[in-house]
C-alpha atoms as a PDB file:
ATOM      1  CA  MET A   1      56.891  36.074 -41.218  1.00  0.00           C
ATOM      2  CA  ASN A   2      56.523  37.272 -37.645  1.00  0.00           C
ATOM      3  CA  LYS A   3      57.088  34.529 -35.140  1.00  0.00           C
ATOM      4  CA  LYS A   4      54.461  35.940 -32.698  1.00  0.00           C
ATOM      5  CA  ALA A   5      51.752  36.043 -35.282  1.00  0.00           C
ATOM      6  CA  PHE A   6      52.650  32.440 -36.350  1.00  0.00           C
ATOM      7  CA  GLU A   7      52.415  31.345 -32.690  1.00  0.00           C
ATOM      8  CA  LEU A   8      49.224  33.133 -32.188  1.00  0.00           C
ATOM      9  CA  SER A   9      47.728  31.372 -35.239  1.00  0.00           C
ATOM     10  CA  ILE A  10      48.847  27.885 -34.022  1.00  0.00           C
ATOM     11  CA  ASN A  11      47.470  28.535 -30.563  1.00  0.00           C
ATOM     12  CA  PHE A  12      44.091  29.628 -32.044  1.00  0.00           C
ATOM     13  CA  ILE A  13      43.950  26.439 -34.206  1.00  0.00           C
ATOM     14  CA  VAL A  14      44.708  24.200 -31.249  1.00  0.00           C
ATOM     15  CA  ILE A  15      42.125  25.932 -29.041  1.00  0.00           C
ATOM     16  CA  LEU A  16      39.707  25.535 -31.948  1.00  0.00           C
ATOM     17  CA  ILE A  17      40.333  21.794 -32.328  1.00  0.00           C
ATOM     18  CA  ILE A  18      40.057  21.254 -28.482  1.00  0.00           C
ATOM     19  CA  SER A  19      36.829  23.170 -28.386  1.00  0.00           C
ATOM     20  CA  ILE A  20      35.380  21.048 -31.334  1.00  0.00           C
ATOM     21  CA  VAL A  21      36.280  17.867 -29.507  1.00  0.00           C
ATOM     22  CA  ILE A  22      34.741  18.946 -26.248  1.00  0.00           C
ATOM     23  CA  PHE A  23      31.556  20.178 -28.023  1.00  0.00           C
ATOM     24  CA  GLY A  24      31.473  16.703 -29.736  1.00  0.00           C
ATOM     25  CA  PHE A  25      31.734  14.970 -26.453  1.00  0.00           C
ATOM     26  CA  GLY A  26      28.972  17.238 -25.063  1.00  0.00           C
ATOM     27  CA  ILE A  27      26.691  16.310 -27.955  1.00  0.00           C
ATOM     28  CA  LYS A  28      27.465  12.504 -27.410  1.00  0.00           C
ATOM     29  CA  PHE A  29      26.729  12.922 -23.650  1.00  0.00           C
ATOM     30  CA  VAL A  30      23.349  14.670 -24.351  1.00  0.00           C
ATOM     31  CA  SER A  31      22.489  12.098 -26.927  1.00  0.00           C
ATOM     32  CA  ASN A  32      23.095   9.223 -24.499  1.00  0.00           C
ATOM     33  CA  LEU A  33      21.184  11.004 -21.832  1.00  0.00           C
ATOM     34  CA  MET A  34      18.053  11.357 -24.140  1.00  0.00           C
ATOM     35  CA  GLN A  35      18.397   7.720 -25.169  1.00  0.00           C
ATOM     36  CA  GLY A  36      18.216   6.639 -21.520  1.00  0.00           C
ATOM     37  CA  VAL A  37      15.087   8.906 -21.070  1.00  0.00           C
ATOM     38  CA  ASN A  38      13.541   7.170 -24.034  1.00  0.00           C
ATOM     39  CA  ASP A  39      14.350   3.825 -22.493  1.00  0.00           C
ATOM     40  CA  LEU A  40      12.691   4.733 -19.223  1.00  0.00           C
ATOM     41  CA  ASN A  41       9.666   5.950 -21.084  1.00  0.00           C
ATOM     42  CA  LYS A  42       9.247   2.382 -22.518  1.00  0.00           C
ATOM     43  CA  LEU A  43       8.497   1.300 -18.925  1.00  0.00           C
ATOM     44  CA  THR A  44       4.755   1.828 -19.375  1.00  0.00           C
ATOM     45  CA  ASN A  45       2.061   2.310 -16.888  1.00  0.00           C
ATOM     46  CA  SER A  46       0.898  -1.395 -17.421  1.00  0.00           C
ATOM     47  CA  ASP A  47       4.374  -2.650 -16.754  1.00  0.00           C
ATOM     48  CA  PHE A  48       4.453  -0.602 -13.548  1.00  0.00           C
ATOM     49  CA  GLU A  49       1.053  -1.845 -12.581  1.00  0.00           C
ATOM     50  CA  ALA A  50       2.023  -5.404 -13.258  1.00  0.00           C
ATOM     51  CA  ASN A  51       5.136  -5.123 -11.194  1.00  0.00           C
ATOM     52  CA  MET A  52       3.156  -3.511  -8.323  1.00  0.00           C
ATOM     53  CA  GLU A  53       0.614  -6.187  -8.327  1.00  0.00           C
ATOM     54  CA  ARG A  54       3.328  -8.921  -8.200  1.00  0.00           C
ATOM     55  CA  ILE A  55       4.966  -7.039  -5.201  1.00  0.00           C
ATOM     56  CA  LEU A  56       1.606  -6.538  -3.460  1.00  0.00           C
ATOM     57  CA  CYS A  57       0.668 -10.297  -3.611  1.00  0.00           C
ATOM     58  CA  ASP A  58       3.960 -11.550  -2.349  1.00  0.00           C
ATOM     59  CA  SER A  59       2.704 -11.723   1.132  1.00  0.00           C
ATOM     60  CA  SER A  60       1.686 -14.130   3.780  1.00  0.00           C
ATOM     61  CA  GLU A  61      -1.988 -13.499   3.298  1.00  0.00           C
ATOM     62  CA  LYS A  62      -4.162 -16.530   2.264  1.00  0.00           C
ATOM     63  CA  THR A  63      -5.669 -14.532  -0.594  1.00  0.00           C
ATOM     64  CA  CYS A  64      -4.778 -11.143  -1.982  1.00  0.00           C
ATOM     65  CA  VAL A  65      -5.648  -8.683  -4.811  1.00  0.00           C
ATOM     66  CA  GLY A  66      -2.804  -6.762  -6.264  1.00  0.00           C
ATOM     67  CA  ILE A  67      -4.486  -3.557  -7.239  1.00  0.00           C
ATOM     68  CA  SER A  68      -8.151  -3.760  -6.404  1.00  0.00           C
ATOM     69  CA  ARG A  69      -9.508  -0.507  -7.973  1.00  0.00           C
ATOM     70  CA  LYS A  70      -9.136   0.136 -11.688  1.00  0.00           C
ATOM     71  CA  GLU A  71     -10.815   2.512 -14.069  1.00  0.00           C
ATOM     72  CA  ILE A  72     -12.020   0.786 -17.171  1.00  0.00           C
ATOM     73  CA  ARG A  73     -13.587   2.625 -20.070  1.00  0.00           C
ATOM     74  CA  PRO A  74     -16.383   1.025 -22.112  1.00  0.00           C
ATOM     75  CA  ASN A  75     -15.208  -1.655 -24.648  1.00  0.00           C
ATOM     76  CA  LYS A  76     -12.002  -1.926 -22.819  1.00  0.00           C
ATOM     77  CA  VAL A  77     -10.457  -4.792 -20.791  1.00  0.00           C
ATOM     78  CA  ALA A  78      -8.345  -4.539 -17.543  1.00  0.00           C
ATOM     79  CA  PHE A  79      -6.495  -7.254 -15.669  1.00  0.00           C
ATOM     80  CA  PHE A  80      -6.462  -7.879 -11.927  1.00  0.00           C
ATOM     81  CA  THR A  81      -4.047 -10.192 -10.224  1.00  0.00           C
ATOM     82  CA  PHE A  82      -5.489 -12.532  -7.507  1.00  0.00           C
ATOM     83  CA  GLY A  83      -3.129 -14.526  -5.394  1.00  0.00           C
ATOM     84  CA  VAL A  84      -3.734 -17.618  -3.376  1.00  0.00           C
ATOM     85  CA  LEU A  85      -1.290 -18.994  -0.736  1.00  0.00           C
ATOM     86  CA  ASN A  86      -1.912 -22.674   0.295  1.00  0.00           C
ATOM     87  CA  THR A  87      -1.380 -22.678   4.113  1.00  0.00           C
ATOM     88  CA  ASN A  88      -2.590 -26.294   4.377  1.00  0.00           C
ATOM     89  CA  GLU A  89      -0.044 -29.072   4.896  1.00  0.00           C
ATOM     90  CA  GLN A  90      -1.319 -31.043   1.932  1.00  0.00           C
ATOM     91  CA  ILE A  91      -1.867 -30.458  -1.768  1.00  0.00           C
ATOM     92  CA  THR A  92      -5.259 -28.535  -2.156  1.00  0.00           C
ATOM     93  CA  ASP A  93      -7.509 -27.816  -4.931  1.00  0.00           C
ATOM     94  CA  PHE A  94      -8.996 -24.246  -4.835  1.00  0.00           C
ATOM     95  CA  TYR A  95     -11.936 -22.917  -6.639  1.00  0.00           C
ATOM     96  CA  ILE A  96     -12.190 -19.134  -7.299  1.00  0.00           C
ATOM     97  CA  ASP A  97     -15.571 -17.653  -8.025  1.00  0.00           C
ATOM     98  CA  ILE A  98     -16.836 -14.033  -8.571  1.00  0.00           C
ATOM     99  CA  GLU A  99     -20.172 -12.538  -7.865  1.00  0.00           C
ATOM    100  CA  GLN A 100     -21.614  -9.070  -8.116  1.00  0.00           C
ATOM    101  CA  ALA A 101     -21.783  -7.376  -4.962  1.00  0.00           C
ATOM    102  CA  GLU A 102     -25.166  -6.385  -3.467  1.00  0.00           C
ATOM    103  CA  PRO A 103     -26.733  -4.008  -4.122  1.00  0.00           C
ATOM    104  CA  TYR A 104     -25.988  -4.010  -7.722  1.00  0.00           C
ATOM    105  CA  ASP A 105     -28.179  -1.164  -8.976  1.00  0.00           C
ATOM    106  CA  ASN A 106     -26.799  -1.102 -12.499  1.00  0.00           C
ATOM    107  CA  HIS A 107     -27.345  -3.914 -14.918  1.00  0.00           C
ATOM    108  CA  PRO A 108     -25.878  -6.972 -13.398  1.00  0.00           C
ATOM    109  CA  ASP A 109     -24.872  -8.515 -16.748  1.00  0.00           C
ATOM    110  CA  GLU A 110     -22.920  -5.563 -17.984  1.00  0.00           C
ATOM    111  CA  ILE A 111     -19.496  -6.288 -16.509  1.00  0.00           C
ATOM    112  CA  LYS A 112     -17.939  -9.460 -17.957  1.00  0.00           C
ATOM    113  CA  TYR A 113     -15.089 -11.391 -16.393  1.00  0.00           C
ATOM    114  CA  GLN A 114     -12.980 -14.395 -17.213  1.00  0.00           C
ATOM    115  CA  LEU A 115     -10.485 -16.400 -15.186  1.00  0.00           C
ATOM    116  CA  ASN A 116      -9.074 -19.773 -14.620  1.00  0.00           C
ATOM    117  CA  ASN A 117     -11.114 -20.624 -11.538  1.00  0.00           C
ATOM    118  CA  GLU A 118      -9.453 -23.956 -10.547  1.00  0.00           C
ATOM    119  CA  LEU A 119      -6.066 -23.997  -8.914  1.00  0.00           C
ATOM    120  CA  THR A 120      -4.074 -26.855  -7.370  1.00  0.00           C
ATOM    121  CA  LEU A 121      -1.324 -25.821  -4.924  1.00  0.00           C
ATOM    122  CA  ASP A 122       1.307 -27.732  -3.087  1.00  0.00           C
ATOM    123  CA  PRO A 123       1.763 -27.014   0.631  1.00  0.00           C
ATOM    124  CA  PHE A 124       2.838 -23.403   1.359  1.00  0.00           C
ATOM    125  CA  GLU A 125       2.902 -22.634  -2.307  1.00  0.00           C
ATOM    126  CA  GLN A 126       1.581 -19.290  -3.808  1.00  0.00           C
ATOM    127  CA  ASN A 127       0.176 -18.667  -7.169  1.00  0.00           C
ATOM    128  CA  ASN A 128      -1.344 -15.894  -8.953  1.00  0.00           C
ATOM    129  CA  VAL A 129      -4.449 -15.962 -11.129  1.00  0.00           C
ATOM    130  CA  VAL A 130      -5.289 -13.137 -13.709  1.00  0.00           C
ATOM    131  CA  ILE A 131      -8.793 -12.021 -13.755  1.00  0.00           C
ATOM    132  CA  ALA A 132      -9.777 -10.263 -17.111  1.00  0.00           C
ATOM    133  CA  VAL A 133     -12.687  -7.752 -16.567  1.00  0.00           C
ATOM    134  CA  GLN A 134     -14.487  -6.218 -19.639  1.00  0.00           C
ATOM    135  CA  VAL A 135     -16.834  -3.355 -19.649  1.00  0.00           C
ATOM    136  CA  PRO A 136     -19.123  -3.463 -22.747  1.00  0.00           C
ATOM    137  CA  GLY A 137     -20.001  -0.390 -24.657  1.00  0.00           C
ATOM    138  CA  GLY A 138     -23.018   1.460 -23.195  1.00  0.00           C
ATOM    139  CA  THR A 139     -22.320   0.644 -19.621  1.00  0.00           C
ATOM    140  CA  LYS A 140     -23.674   3.196 -17.166  1.00  0.00           C
ATOM    141  CA  LYS A 141     -21.116   5.469 -15.401  1.00  0.00           C
ATOM    142  CA  GLY A 142     -20.413   4.356 -11.798  1.00  0.00           C
ATOM    143  CA  THR A 143     -18.535   2.116  -9.628  1.00  0.00           C
ATOM    144  CA  TYR A 144     -19.154  -1.699  -9.859  1.00  0.00           C
ATOM    145  CA  VAL A 145     -18.019  -4.075  -7.203  1.00  0.00           C
ATOM    146  CA  LEU A 146     -17.212  -7.705  -7.744  1.00  0.00           C
ATOM    147  CA  ASN A 147     -16.776 -10.101  -4.784  1.00  0.00           C
ATOM    148  CA  VAL A 148     -13.976 -12.729  -5.230  1.00  0.00           C
ATOM    149  CA  TYR A 149     -13.892 -15.647  -2.959  1.00  0.00           C
ATOM    150  CA  VAL A 150     -11.929 -18.940  -2.782  1.00  0.00           C
ATOM    151  CA  CYS A 151     -13.261 -22.228  -1.654  1.00  0.00           C
ATOM    152  CA  SER A 152     -11.600 -25.554  -0.883  1.00  0.00           C
ATOM    153  CA  GLU A 153     -14.405 -27.545  -2.496  1.00  0.00           C
ATOM    154  CA  GLN A 154     -16.307 -26.667  -5.611  1.00  0.00           C
ATOM    155  CA  SER A 155     -19.739 -27.187  -4.127  1.00  0.00           C
ATOM    156  CA  SER A 156     -21.333 -25.248  -1.374  1.00  0.00           C
ATOM    157  CA  CYS A 157     -19.368 -22.054  -1.015  1.00  0.00           C
ATOM    158  CA  GLU A 158     -21.828 -19.786   0.567  1.00  0.00           C
ATOM    159  CA  GLU A 159     -21.033 -17.064   2.886  1.00  0.00           C
ATOM    160  CA  GLY A 160     -20.099 -18.577   6.281  1.00  0.00           C
ATOM    161  CA  SER A 161     -19.452 -21.983   4.910  1.00  0.00           C
ATOM    162  CA  ASN A 162     -16.614 -24.125   6.224  1.00  0.00           C
ATOM    163  CA  ASN A 163     -15.325 -24.523   2.554  1.00  0.00           C
ATOM    164  CA  ARG A 164     -14.464 -20.754   2.352  1.00  0.00           C
ATOM    165  CA  TYR A 165     -10.691 -20.538   2.452  1.00  0.00           C
ATOM    166  CA  SER A 166     -10.484 -16.799   3.378  1.00  0.00           C
ATOM    167  CA  LYS A 167     -12.329 -13.506   3.555  1.00  0.00           C
ATOM    168  CA  THR A 168     -14.062 -12.240   0.485  1.00  0.00           C
ATOM    169  CA  LYS A 169     -11.970  -9.894  -1.503  1.00  0.00           C
ATOM    170  CA  LYS A 170     -13.477  -7.034  -3.538  1.00  0.00           C
ATOM    171  CA  LEU A 171     -12.641  -5.636  -7.049  1.00  0.00           C
ATOM    172  CA  TYR A 172     -13.761  -2.085  -7.776  1.00  0.00           C
ATOM    173  CA  ILE A 173     -14.420  -1.190 -11.356  1.00  0.00           C
ATOM    174  CA  GLU A 174     -14.920   2.495 -12.059  1.00  0.00           C
ATOM    175  CA  VAL A 175     -16.534   3.186 -15.335  1.00  0.00           C
ATOM    176  CA  PRO A 176     -16.023   6.932 -16.301  1.00  0.00           C
END
């Protein structure tokens, strides 16, 4: 047998084995890359919004709303984050209430909301409350505005009252 032909065959086999190994590593790399993309896709929009609301309410404001404008389709629920920071030097009970903004041309009873409206905070403590808002089926399209306010006493919390803890915050609900 010819020594050159034998050497050529061995070189071809070695190159073929190296090529297969490199191709296998390439497939493994692309597979890992696609798995990473799938893991990133698991970070959903709601997770992103929750993180944004947490970041937006980590401030020195007495009250804050994470994301104040949300689109809610009929028969669906959305969640707003409302933060309260106790700037008083003693433990304080806060009462959170919601009213429909004026003028409220659409049916005022259409938008439903639920929250834990009593909050006790230590001095300089901040806590967030989740406000669940539901748009029932058949709700007219448009933008609905809810006023959220915080009082230091449960009674007499009218506009301009000394019991108001901070400015009124607004929640905008867009019904498509």
